Amino acid sequence: MSVGDLAGILGEAILADVDPDDRLALVRRTAEADQVTGELLQQAVHAARAGGHSWSAIGTTLGLTRQAAQQRFGRTSEIPPSAEERWLGPVTAFDEMRELEIAGRLGWRTVEAGLLRHRMVRTPTRWEHKRVLWTGGLGRHERDGWQVGCRAFPWVYLVRDTGEPAQTA
């Protein structure tokens, strides 16, 4: 697929259900597309790193230096440094939801997903996990109390705090 083909597909998606004369709606939809493609790029870089590619190789692919690629796409965390964290895995699409359910009962919630694993943070309460396809809005899930734990194309992992105390191991 050429860049022109991709631009056409993105343009059609941006224009879907938008009045082309409403310039602010076009700006909003294009900004949303920019955010989504940025998140996809972040996921692709994480997948490349998990696959063993160096920051230098990723930088070259993106037309950046090794340092610039690492600074732009290196792990940035909103998790306090004192938080207890661990990696859950290896897991596959077939068993990860069962493993996330067990971890959630013990107070662990997913905050990042990589190749065959989830980065988890421990809290004092139980968590529910849900995996949905990365399509459309998440409003209906958010109305039910779900929040995005992480995105790992083609999935979005949602988490919901039950408010119940976590079980002990």
N, C-alpha and C. Protein backbone atom coordinates (compact mmCIF):
# COMPACT_ATOMS: atom_id res chain seq x y z
N MET A 1 0.86 -1.16 0.00
CA MET A 1 0.00 0.00 0.00
C MET A 1 0.91 1.23 0.00
N SER A 2 0.61 2.15 -0.84
CA SER A 2 1.42 3.38 -0.95
C SER A 2 0.97 4.41 0.09
N VAL A 3 1.79 5.42 0.29
CA VAL A 3 1.45 6.51 1.20
C VAL A 3 0.18 7.20 0.71
N GLY A 4 0.04 7.35 -0.60
CA GLY A 4 -1.17 7.97 -1.16
C GLY A 4 -2.42 7.17 -0.83
N ASP A 5 -2.31 5.83 -0.94
CA ASP A 5 -3.45 4.97 -0.59
C ASP A 5 -3.83 5.13 0.87
N LEU A 6 -2.81 5.15 1.72
CA LEU A 6 -3.05 5.30 3.15
C LEU A 6 -3.68 6.66 3.45
N ALA A 7 -3.18 7.70 2.81
CA ALA A 7 -3.75 9.04 2.99
C ALA A 7 -5.22 9.06 2.56
N GLY A 8 -5.54 8.36 1.49
CA GLY A 8 -6.93 8.29 1.03
C GLY A 8 -7.83 7.60 2.03
N ILE A 9 -7.35 6.50 2.59
CA ILE A 9 -8.13 5.76 3.58
C ILE A 9 -8.34 6.61 4.83
N LEU A 10 -7.28 7.26 5.29
CA LEU A 10 -7.41 8.12 6.48
C LEU A 10 -8.34 9.30 6.19
N GLY A 11 -8.20 9.89 5.02
CA GLY A 11 -9.07 11.01 4.65
C GLY A 11 -10.54 10.61 4.64
N GLU A 12 -10.83 9.43 4.09
CA GLU A 12 -12.21 8.95 4.09
C GLU A 12 -12.72 8.74 5.51
N ALA A 13 -11.88 8.18 6.37
CA ALA A 13 -12.28 7.95 7.76
C ALA A 13 -12.53 9.27 8.49
N ILE A 14 -11.71 10.25 8.22
CA ILE A 14 -11.88 11.56 8.86
C ILE A 14 -13.17 12.22 8.39
N LEU A 15 -13.46 12.11 7.11
CA LEU A 15 -14.63 12.77 6.54
C LEU A 15 -15.95 12.04 6.81
N ALA A 16 -15.87 10.77 7.23
CA ALA A 16 -17.09 10.00 7.48
C ALA A 16 -17.94 10.71 8.53
N ASP A 17 -19.20 10.93 8.20
CA ASP A 17 -20.17 11.53 9.12
C ASP A 17 -19.83 12.95 9.54
N VAL A 18 -19.04 13.67 8.73
CA VAL A 18 -18.69 15.06 9.04
C VAL A 18 -19.09 15.92 7.84
N ASP A 19 -19.72 17.02 8.12
CA ASP A 19 -20.06 17.98 7.07
C ASP A 19 -18.76 18.63 6.59
N PRO A 20 -18.37 18.44 5.33
CA PRO A 20 -17.10 19.00 4.83
C PRO A 20 -17.03 20.52 4.93
N ASP A 21 -18.17 21.19 5.06
CA ASP A 21 -18.17 22.64 5.20
C ASP A 21 -17.95 23.08 6.65
N ASP A 22 -18.04 22.16 7.58
CA ASP A 22 -17.81 22.47 8.99
C ASP A 22 -16.32 22.32 9.27
N ARG A 23 -15.60 23.40 9.08
CA ARG A 23 -14.14 23.37 9.18
C ARG A 23 -13.64 22.98 10.58
N LEU A 24 -14.34 23.40 11.61
CA LEU A 24 -13.90 23.03 12.96
C LEU A 24 -14.11 21.53 13.22
N ALA A 25 -15.18 20.97 12.66
CA ALA A 25 -15.39 19.53 12.80
C ALA A 25 -14.26 18.77 12.10
N LEU A 26 -13.83 19.28 10.95
CA LEU A 26 -12.70 18.65 10.24
C LEU A 26 -11.42 18.74 11.06
N VAL A 27 -11.20 19.88 11.70
CA VAL A 27 -10.02 20.03 12.55
C VAL A 27 -10.09 19.03 13.70
N ARG A 28 -11.26 18.93 14.34
CA ARG A 28 -11.42 18.01 15.47
C ARG A 28 -11.19 16.57 15.04
N ARG A 29 -11.80 16.15 13.94
CA ARG A 29 -11.64 14.77 13.48
C ARG A 29 -10.21 14.48 13.05
N THR A 30 -9.55 15.45 12.43
CA THR A 30 -8.15 15.25 12.03
C THR A 30 -7.26 15.15 13.26
N ALA A 31 -7.54 15.95 14.27
CA ALA A 31 -6.78 15.87 15.53
C ALA A 31 -6.99 14.50 16.18
N GLU A 32 -8.21 13.98 16.14
CA GLU A 32 -8.48 12.66 16.69
C GLU A 32 -7.69 11.60 15.92
N ALA A 33 -7.66 11.72 14.59
CA ALA A 33 -6.90 10.77 13.77
C ALA A 33 -5.41 10.86 14.09
N ASP A 34 -4.92 12.08 14.31
CA ASP A 34 -3.51 12.28 14.66
C ASP A 34 -3.20 11.59 15.99
N GLN A 35 -4.09 11.71 16.95
CA GLN A 35 -3.88 11.07 18.25
C GLN A 35 -3.85 9.55 18.10
N VAL A 36 -4.78 9.01 17.34
CA VAL A 36 -4.86 7.56 17.16
C VAL A 36 -3.62 7.05 16.42
N THR A 37 -3.21 7.72 15.34
CA THR A 37 -2.03 7.26 14.62
C THR A 37 -0.77 7.40 15.47
N GLY A 38 -0.72 8.41 16.32
CA GLY A 38 0.40 8.55 17.24
C GLY A 38 0.47 7.39 18.22
N GLU A 39 -0.70 6.97 18.72
CA GLU A 39 -0.76 5.83 19.63
C GLU A 39 -0.37 4.54 18.90
N LEU A 40 -0.80 4.40 17.65
CA LEU A 40 -0.41 3.23 16.86
C LEU A 40 1.09 3.19 16.64
N LEU A 41 1.69 4.34 16.36
CA LEU A 41 3.13 4.41 16.18
C LEU A 41 3.84 4.03 17.47
N GLN A 42 3.34 4.51 18.60
CA GLN A 42 3.92 4.16 19.91
C GLN A 42 3.87 2.65 20.10
N GLN A 43 2.73 2.03 19.79
CA GLN A 43 2.60 0.58 19.93
C GLN A 43 3.55 -0.15 18.98
N ALA A 44 3.69 0.34 17.76
CA ALA A 44 4.59 -0.30 16.79
C ALA A 44 6.03 -0.24 17.28
N VAL A 45 6.43 0.90 17.85
CA VAL A 45 7.78 1.03 18.37
C VAL A 45 7.99 0.08 19.54
N HIS A 46 7.01 -0.02 20.44
CA HIS A 46 7.13 -0.95 21.57
C HIS A 46 7.22 -2.39 21.06
N ALA A 47 6.45 -2.72 20.03
CA ALA A 47 6.51 -4.07 19.47
C ALA A 47 7.88 -4.33 18.83
N ALA A 48 8.42 -3.33 18.15
CA ALA A 48 9.76 -3.48 17.55
C ALA A 48 10.81 -3.69 18.63
N ARG A 49 10.70 -2.93 19.70
CA ARG A 49 11.65 -3.09 20.81
C ARG A 49 11.50 -4.48 21.44
N ALA A 50 10.26 -4.91 21.65
CA ALA A 50 10.02 -6.24 22.22
C ALA A 50 10.53 -7.33 21.29
N GLY A 51 10.56 -7.04 19.99
CA GLY A 51 11.07 -7.99 19.00
C GLY A 51 12.58 -7.95 18.86
N GLY A 52 13.25 -7.12 19.65
CA GLY A 52 14.71 -7.11 19.66
C GLY A 52 15.37 -6.03 18.83
N HIS A 53 14.60 -5.13 18.24
CA HIS A 53 15.19 -4.08 17.42
C HIS A 53 15.78 -2.98 18.31
N SER A 54 16.90 -2.44 17.89
CA SER A 54 17.60 -1.41 18.67
C SER A 54 16.96 -0.05 18.45
N TRP A 55 17.25 0.86 19.37
CA TRP A 55 16.80 2.25 19.21
C TRP A 55 17.42 2.85 17.95
N SER A 56 18.62 2.44 17.63
CA SER A 56 19.28 2.95 16.43
C SER A 56 18.51 2.55 15.17
N ALA A 57 18.11 1.27 15.09
CA ALA A 57 17.35 0.79 13.93
C ALA A 57 15.99 1.48 13.84
N ILE A 58 15.34 1.65 14.98
CA ILE A 58 14.04 2.32 14.98
C ILE A 58 14.20 3.78 14.55
N GLY A 59 15.21 4.44 15.10
CA GLY A 59 15.48 5.83 14.72
C GLY A 59 15.73 5.97 13.23
N THR A 60 16.53 5.08 12.68
CA THR A 60 16.82 5.12 11.24
C THR A 60 15.54 4.97 10.43
N THR A 61 14.68 4.03 10.84
CA THR A 61 13.41 3.81 10.14
C THR A 61 12.53 5.05 10.16
N LEU A 62 12.58 5.79 11.26
CA LEU A 62 11.74 6.98 11.42
C LEU A 62 12.44 8.27 10.98
N GLY A 63 13.66 8.17 10.54
CA GLY A 63 14.40 9.38 10.15
C GLY A 63 14.85 10.19 11.36
N LEU A 64 15.10 9.51 12.46
CA LEU A 64 15.52 10.15 13.71
C LEU A 64 16.85 9.56 14.15
N THR A 65 17.51 10.23 15.05
CA THR A 65 18.68 9.64 15.67
C THR A 65 18.23 8.61 16.70
N ARG A 66 19.16 7.77 17.13
CA ARG A 66 18.87 6.79 18.17
C ARG A 66 18.35 7.49 19.42
N GLN A 67 19.04 8.56 19.80
CA GLN A 67 18.68 9.28 21.01
C GLN A 67 17.29 9.92 20.89
N ALA A 68 17.01 10.51 19.73
CA ALA A 68 15.71 11.15 19.54
C ALA A 68 14.58 10.11 19.58
N ALA A 69 14.80 8.94 18.99
CA ALA A 69 13.79 7.89 19.01
C ALA A 69 13.55 7.41 20.44
N GLN A 70 14.62 7.22 21.19
CA GLN A 70 14.49 6.75 22.56
C GLN A 70 13.80 7.79 23.44
N GLN A 71 14.13 9.06 23.24
CA GLN A 71 13.50 10.10 24.03
C GLN A 71 12.02 10.22 23.71
N ARG A 72 11.68 10.08 22.42
CA ARG A 72 10.29 10.24 22.02
C ARG A 72 9.42 9.04 22.39
N PHE A 73 9.97 7.84 22.25
CA PHE A 73 9.15 6.64 22.40
C PHE A 73 9.51 5.78 23.59
N GLY A 74 10.56 6.15 24.32
CA GLY A 74 10.95 5.38 25.50
C GLY A 74 9.84 5.41 26.52
N ARG A 75 9.85 4.45 27.38
CA ARG A 75 8.75 4.32 28.35
C ARG A 75 8.65 5.56 29.21
N THR A 76 7.48 6.13 29.20
CA THR A 76 7.16 7.21 30.13
C THR A 76 6.03 6.68 30.99
N SER A 77 6.14 6.87 32.25
CA SER A 77 5.18 6.25 33.16
C SER A 77 4.52 7.29 34.04
N GLU A 78 3.22 7.13 34.23
CA GLU A 78 2.49 7.96 35.18
C GLU A 78 2.40 7.27 36.52
N ILE A 79 3.08 6.14 36.64
CA ILE A 79 3.03 5.35 37.86
C ILE A 79 4.04 5.91 38.85
N PRO A 80 3.63 6.14 40.08
CA PRO A 80 4.58 6.64 41.07
C PRO A 80 5.74 5.66 41.22
N PRO A 81 6.96 6.17 41.41
CA PRO A 81 8.12 5.27 41.52
C PRO A 81 8.01 4.30 42.70
N SER A 82 7.21 4.64 43.70
CA SER A 82 7.08 3.77 44.86
C SER A 82 6.07 2.65 44.65
N ALA A 83 5.32 2.68 43.54
CA ALA A 83 4.29 1.68 43.30
C ALA A 83 4.92 0.30 43.07
N GLU A 84 4.23 -0.71 43.56
CA GLU A 84 4.68 -2.08 43.33
C GLU A 84 4.23 -2.48 41.94
N GLU A 85 5.17 -2.92 41.11
CA GLU A 85 4.82 -3.34 39.76
C GLU A 85 5.52 -4.63 39.41
N ARG A 86 4.98 -5.32 38.42
CA ARG A 86 5.56 -6.56 37.92
C ARG A 86 5.06 -6.81 36.50
N TRP A 87 5.67 -7.76 35.85
CA TRP A 87 5.23 -8.19 34.53
C TRP A 87 4.49 -9.51 34.68
N LEU A 88 3.34 -9.61 34.03
CA LEU A 88 2.55 -10.84 34.00
C LEU A 88 2.80 -11.48 32.64
N GLY A 89 3.26 -12.69 32.63
CA GLY A 89 3.49 -13.36 31.35
C GLY A 89 4.49 -14.49 31.49
N PRO A 90 4.66 -15.25 30.46
CA PRO A 90 4.05 -15.04 29.15
C PRO A 90 2.57 -15.43 29.13
N VAL A 91 1.79 -14.64 28.40
CA VAL A 91 0.37 -14.91 28.19
C VAL A 91 0.08 -14.78 26.71
N THR A 92 -0.94 -15.47 26.27
CA THR A 92 -1.38 -15.38 24.87
C THR A 92 -2.81 -14.85 24.84
N ALA A 93 -3.30 -14.57 23.65
CA ALA A 93 -4.68 -14.10 23.51
C ALA A 93 -5.67 -15.13 24.06
N PHE A 94 -5.25 -16.39 24.16
CA PHE A 94 -6.14 -17.45 24.63
C PHE A 94 -6.22 -17.52 26.15
N ASP A 95 -5.13 -17.18 26.86
CA ASP A 95 -5.16 -17.35 28.31
C ASP A 95 -5.00 -16.04 29.09
N GLU A 96 -4.76 -14.93 28.40
CA GLU A 96 -4.46 -13.71 29.14
C GLU A 96 -5.64 -13.20 29.97
N MET A 97 -6.86 -13.34 29.49
CA MET A 97 -8.00 -12.82 30.25
C MET A 97 -8.19 -13.61 31.55
N ARG A 98 -7.96 -14.91 31.51
CA ARG A 98 -8.04 -15.71 32.73
C ARG A 98 -6.95 -15.28 33.71
N GLU A 99 -5.75 -15.05 33.20
CA GLU A 99 -4.64 -14.62 34.05
C GLU A 99 -4.89 -13.22 34.61
N LEU A 100 -5.46 -12.32 33.78
CA LEU A 100 -5.77 -10.98 34.25
C LEU A 100 -6.87 -11.01 35.31
N GLU A 101 -7.82 -11.94 35.18
CA GLU A 101 -8.87 -12.07 36.19
C GLU A 101 -8.27 -12.47 37.54
N ILE A 102 -7.36 -13.42 37.52
CA ILE A 102 -6.71 -13.86 38.77
C ILE A 102 -5.90 -12.71 39.36
N ALA A 103 -5.12 -12.04 38.52
CA ALA A 103 -4.29 -10.92 38.99
C ALA A 103 -5.18 -9.80 39.55
N GLY A 104 -6.29 -9.53 38.89
CA GLY A 104 -7.20 -8.48 39.33
C GLY A 104 -7.76 -8.75 40.72
N ARG A 105 -8.08 -10.01 41.01
CA ARG A 105 -8.58 -10.37 42.35
C ARG A 105 -7.54 -10.08 43.42
N LEU A 106 -6.26 -10.17 43.03
CA LEU A 106 -5.16 -9.94 43.97
C LEU A 106 -4.74 -8.48 44.03
N GLY A 107 -5.47 -7.61 43.30
CA GLY A 107 -5.19 -6.17 43.36
C GLY A 107 -4.31 -5.64 42.26
N TRP A 108 -4.01 -6.45 41.26
CA TRP A 108 -3.15 -6.01 40.16
C TRP A 108 -3.99 -5.51 39.01
N ARG A 109 -3.56 -4.39 38.40
CA ARG A 109 -4.24 -3.87 37.21
C ARG A 109 -3.21 -3.66 36.12
N THR A 110 -3.63 -3.88 34.88
CA THR A 110 -2.71 -3.72 33.75
C THR A 110 -2.54 -2.24 33.42
N VAL A 111 -1.31 -1.84 33.12
CA VAL A 111 -1.01 -0.46 32.73
C VAL A 111 -0.25 -0.41 31.41
N GLU A 112 0.20 -1.56 30.94
CA GLU A 112 0.94 -1.62 29.67
C GLU A 112 0.89 -3.06 29.19
N ALA A 113 0.79 -3.25 27.89
CA ALA A 113 0.82 -4.59 27.33
C ALA A 113 1.92 -4.63 26.28
N GLY A 114 2.68 -5.68 26.32
CA GLY A 114 3.74 -5.88 25.34
C GLY A 114 3.58 -7.25 24.73
N LEU A 115 4.60 -7.70 24.05
CA LEU A 115 4.57 -9.00 23.40
C LEU A 115 4.47 -10.10 24.46
N LEU A 116 3.32 -10.73 24.54
CA LEU A 116 3.05 -11.85 25.43
C LEU A 116 3.12 -11.52 26.92
N ARG A 117 2.97 -10.25 27.27
CA ARG A 117 3.03 -9.90 28.69
C ARG A 117 2.29 -8.60 28.97
N HIS A 118 1.97 -8.41 30.25
CA HIS A 118 1.31 -7.19 30.73
C HIS A 118 2.12 -6.63 31.89
N ARG A 119 2.30 -5.33 31.89
CA ARG A 119 2.91 -4.67 33.04
C ARG A 119 1.77 -4.33 33.99
N MET A 120 1.94 -4.74 35.24
CA MET A 120 0.88 -4.63 36.22
C MET A 120 1.34 -3.75 37.38
N VAL A 121 0.37 -3.08 38.00
CA VAL A 121 0.61 -2.27 39.20
C VAL A 121 -0.34 -2.78 40.28
N ARG A 122 0.19 -2.92 41.48
CA ARG A 122 -0.60 -3.44 42.61
C ARG A 122 -1.28 -2.30 43.35
N THR A 123 -2.54 -2.53 43.71
CA THR A 123 -3.33 -1.58 44.48
C THR A 123 -4.00 -2.36 45.62
N PRO A 124 -4.60 -1.68 46.56
CA PRO A 124 -5.27 -2.40 47.66
C PRO A 124 -6.65 -2.95 47.29
N THR A 125 -7.13 -2.65 46.09
CA THR A 125 -8.48 -3.10 45.71
C THR A 125 -8.43 -4.05 44.51
N ARG A 126 -9.52 -4.78 44.34
CA ARG A 126 -9.65 -5.71 43.22
C ARG A 126 -9.96 -4.95 41.93
N TRP A 127 -9.54 -5.54 40.80
CA TRP A 127 -9.77 -4.94 39.48
C TRP A 127 -10.39 -5.96 38.55
N GLU A 128 -11.27 -5.46 37.68
CA GLU A 128 -11.79 -6.25 36.58
C GLU A 128 -11.04 -5.82 35.32
N HIS A 129 -10.84 -6.76 34.41
CA HIS A 129 -10.16 -6.47 33.15
C HIS A 129 -11.08 -6.88 32.00
N LYS A 130 -11.01 -6.11 30.93
CA LYS A 130 -11.80 -6.39 29.74
C LYS A 130 -10.94 -6.06 28.52
N ARG A 131 -11.01 -6.91 27.51
CA ARG A 131 -10.28 -6.67 26.26
C ARG A 131 -11.30 -6.43 25.15
N VAL A 132 -11.16 -5.29 24.45
CA VAL A 132 -12.07 -4.97 23.34
C VAL A 132 -11.23 -4.60 22.13
N LEU A 133 -11.83 -4.77 20.96
CA LEU A 133 -11.15 -4.35 19.73
C LEU A 133 -11.03 -2.84 19.70
N TRP A 134 -9.94 -2.35 19.17
CA TRP A 134 -9.64 -0.92 19.09
C TRP A 134 -10.43 -0.34 17.92
N THR A 135 -11.73 -0.18 18.12
CA THR A 135 -12.60 0.40 17.09
C THR A 135 -13.56 1.36 17.75
N GLY A 136 -13.77 2.45 17.11
CA GLY A 136 -14.77 3.40 17.59
C GLY A 136 -14.47 3.96 18.96
N GLY A 137 -15.47 4.60 19.51
CA GLY A 137 -15.33 5.23 20.82
C GLY A 137 -15.50 4.24 21.95
N LEU A 138 -15.08 4.66 23.10
CA LEU A 138 -15.17 3.82 24.29
C LEU A 138 -16.21 4.34 25.27
N GLY A 139 -17.02 5.30 24.82
CA GLY A 139 -17.98 5.96 25.70
C GLY A 139 -18.90 5.02 26.43
N ARG A 140 -19.40 4.00 25.77
CA ARG A 140 -20.34 3.09 26.43
C ARG A 140 -19.64 2.32 27.54
N HIS A 141 -18.36 1.99 27.35
CA HIS A 141 -17.62 1.30 28.40
C HIS A 141 -17.31 2.26 29.56
N GLU A 142 -16.94 3.49 29.21
CA GLU A 142 -16.62 4.49 30.25
C GLU A 142 -17.85 4.80 31.09
N ARG A 143 -19.02 4.81 30.47
CA ARG A 143 -20.26 5.05 31.23
C ARG A 143 -20.50 3.94 32.25
N ASP A 144 -19.96 2.74 31.99
CA ASP A 144 -20.10 1.62 32.91
C ASP A 144 -18.94 1.55 33.91
N GLY A 145 -18.11 2.60 33.95
CA GLY A 145 -17.04 2.65 34.94
C GLY A 145 -15.70 2.11 34.49
N TRP A 146 -15.59 1.70 33.23
CA TRP A 146 -14.32 1.18 32.72
C TRP A 146 -13.42 2.34 32.34
N GLN A 147 -12.12 2.15 32.49
CA GLN A 147 -11.14 3.11 32.03
C GLN A 147 -10.08 2.37 31.24
N VAL A 148 -9.38 3.09 30.38
CA VAL A 148 -8.35 2.46 29.57
C VAL A 148 -7.15 2.14 30.46
N GLY A 149 -6.81 0.86 30.52
CA GLY A 149 -5.61 0.43 31.22
C GLY A 149 -4.41 0.64 30.31
N CYS A 150 -4.58 0.20 29.05
CA CYS A 150 -3.55 0.41 28.03
C CYS A 150 -4.12 0.03 26.67
N ARG A 151 -3.41 0.44 25.65
CA ARG A 151 -3.76 0.09 24.28
C ARG A 151 -2.62 -0.74 23.71
N ALA A 152 -2.96 -1.82 23.06
CA ALA A 152 -1.98 -2.67 22.39
C ALA A 152 -2.64 -3.17 21.12
N PHE A 153 -2.49 -2.40 20.06
CA PHE A 153 -3.17 -2.67 18.80
C PHE A 153 -3.10 -4.15 18.46
N PRO A 154 -4.24 -4.80 18.15
CA PRO A 154 -5.56 -4.25 17.86
C PRO A 154 -6.49 -4.19 19.07
N TRP A 155 -5.94 -4.33 20.28
CA TRP A 155 -6.77 -4.38 21.47
C TRP A 155 -6.67 -3.11 22.30
N VAL A 156 -7.74 -2.88 23.06
CA VAL A 156 -7.73 -1.91 24.15
C VAL A 156 -8.06 -2.72 25.39
N TYR A 157 -7.23 -2.60 26.40
CA TYR A 157 -7.46 -3.29 27.67
C TYR A 157 -8.08 -2.30 28.63
N LEU A 158 -9.29 -2.63 29.09
CA LEU A 158 -10.02 -1.77 30.01
C LEU A 158 -9.93 -2.35 31.41
N VAL A 159 -9.91 -1.48 32.39
CA VAL A 159 -9.86 -1.90 33.79
C VAL A 159 -10.94 -1.16 34.56
N ARG A 160 -11.43 -1.82 35.62
CA ARG A 160 -12.45 -1.20 36.47
C ARG A 160 -12.19 -1.62 37.91
N ASP A 161 -12.06 -0.65 38.77
CA ASP A 161 -11.84 -0.88 40.20
C ASP A 161 -13.17 -1.33 40.80
N THR A 162 -13.17 -2.48 41.48
CA THR A 162 -14.41 -2.98 42.09
C THR A 162 -14.69 -2.33 43.43
N GLY A 163 -13.65 -1.72 44.02
CA GLY A 163 -13.80 -1.12 45.34
C GLY A 163 -13.70 -2.14 46.47
N GLU A 164 -13.63 -3.41 46.15
CA GLU A 164 -13.51 -4.47 47.15
C GLU A 164 -12.03 -4.65 47.49
N PRO A 165 -11.74 -5.01 48.72
CA PRO A 165 -10.33 -5.24 49.09
C PRO A 165 -9.74 -6.39 48.27
N ALA A 166 -8.48 -6.24 47.90
CA ALA A 166 -7.79 -7.28 47.16
C ALA A 166 -7.62 -8.51 48.03
N GLN A 167 -7.69 -9.68 47.40
CA GLN A 167 -7.44 -10.92 48.11
C GLN A 167 -5.95 -11.03 48.40
N THR A 168 -5.62 -11.77 49.42
CA THR A 168 -4.21 -12.06 49.67
C THR A 168 -3.84 -13.31 48.93
N ALA A 169 -2.59 -13.42 48.53
CA ALA A 169 -2.15 -14.55 47.69
C ALA A 169 -2.33 -15.88 48.39
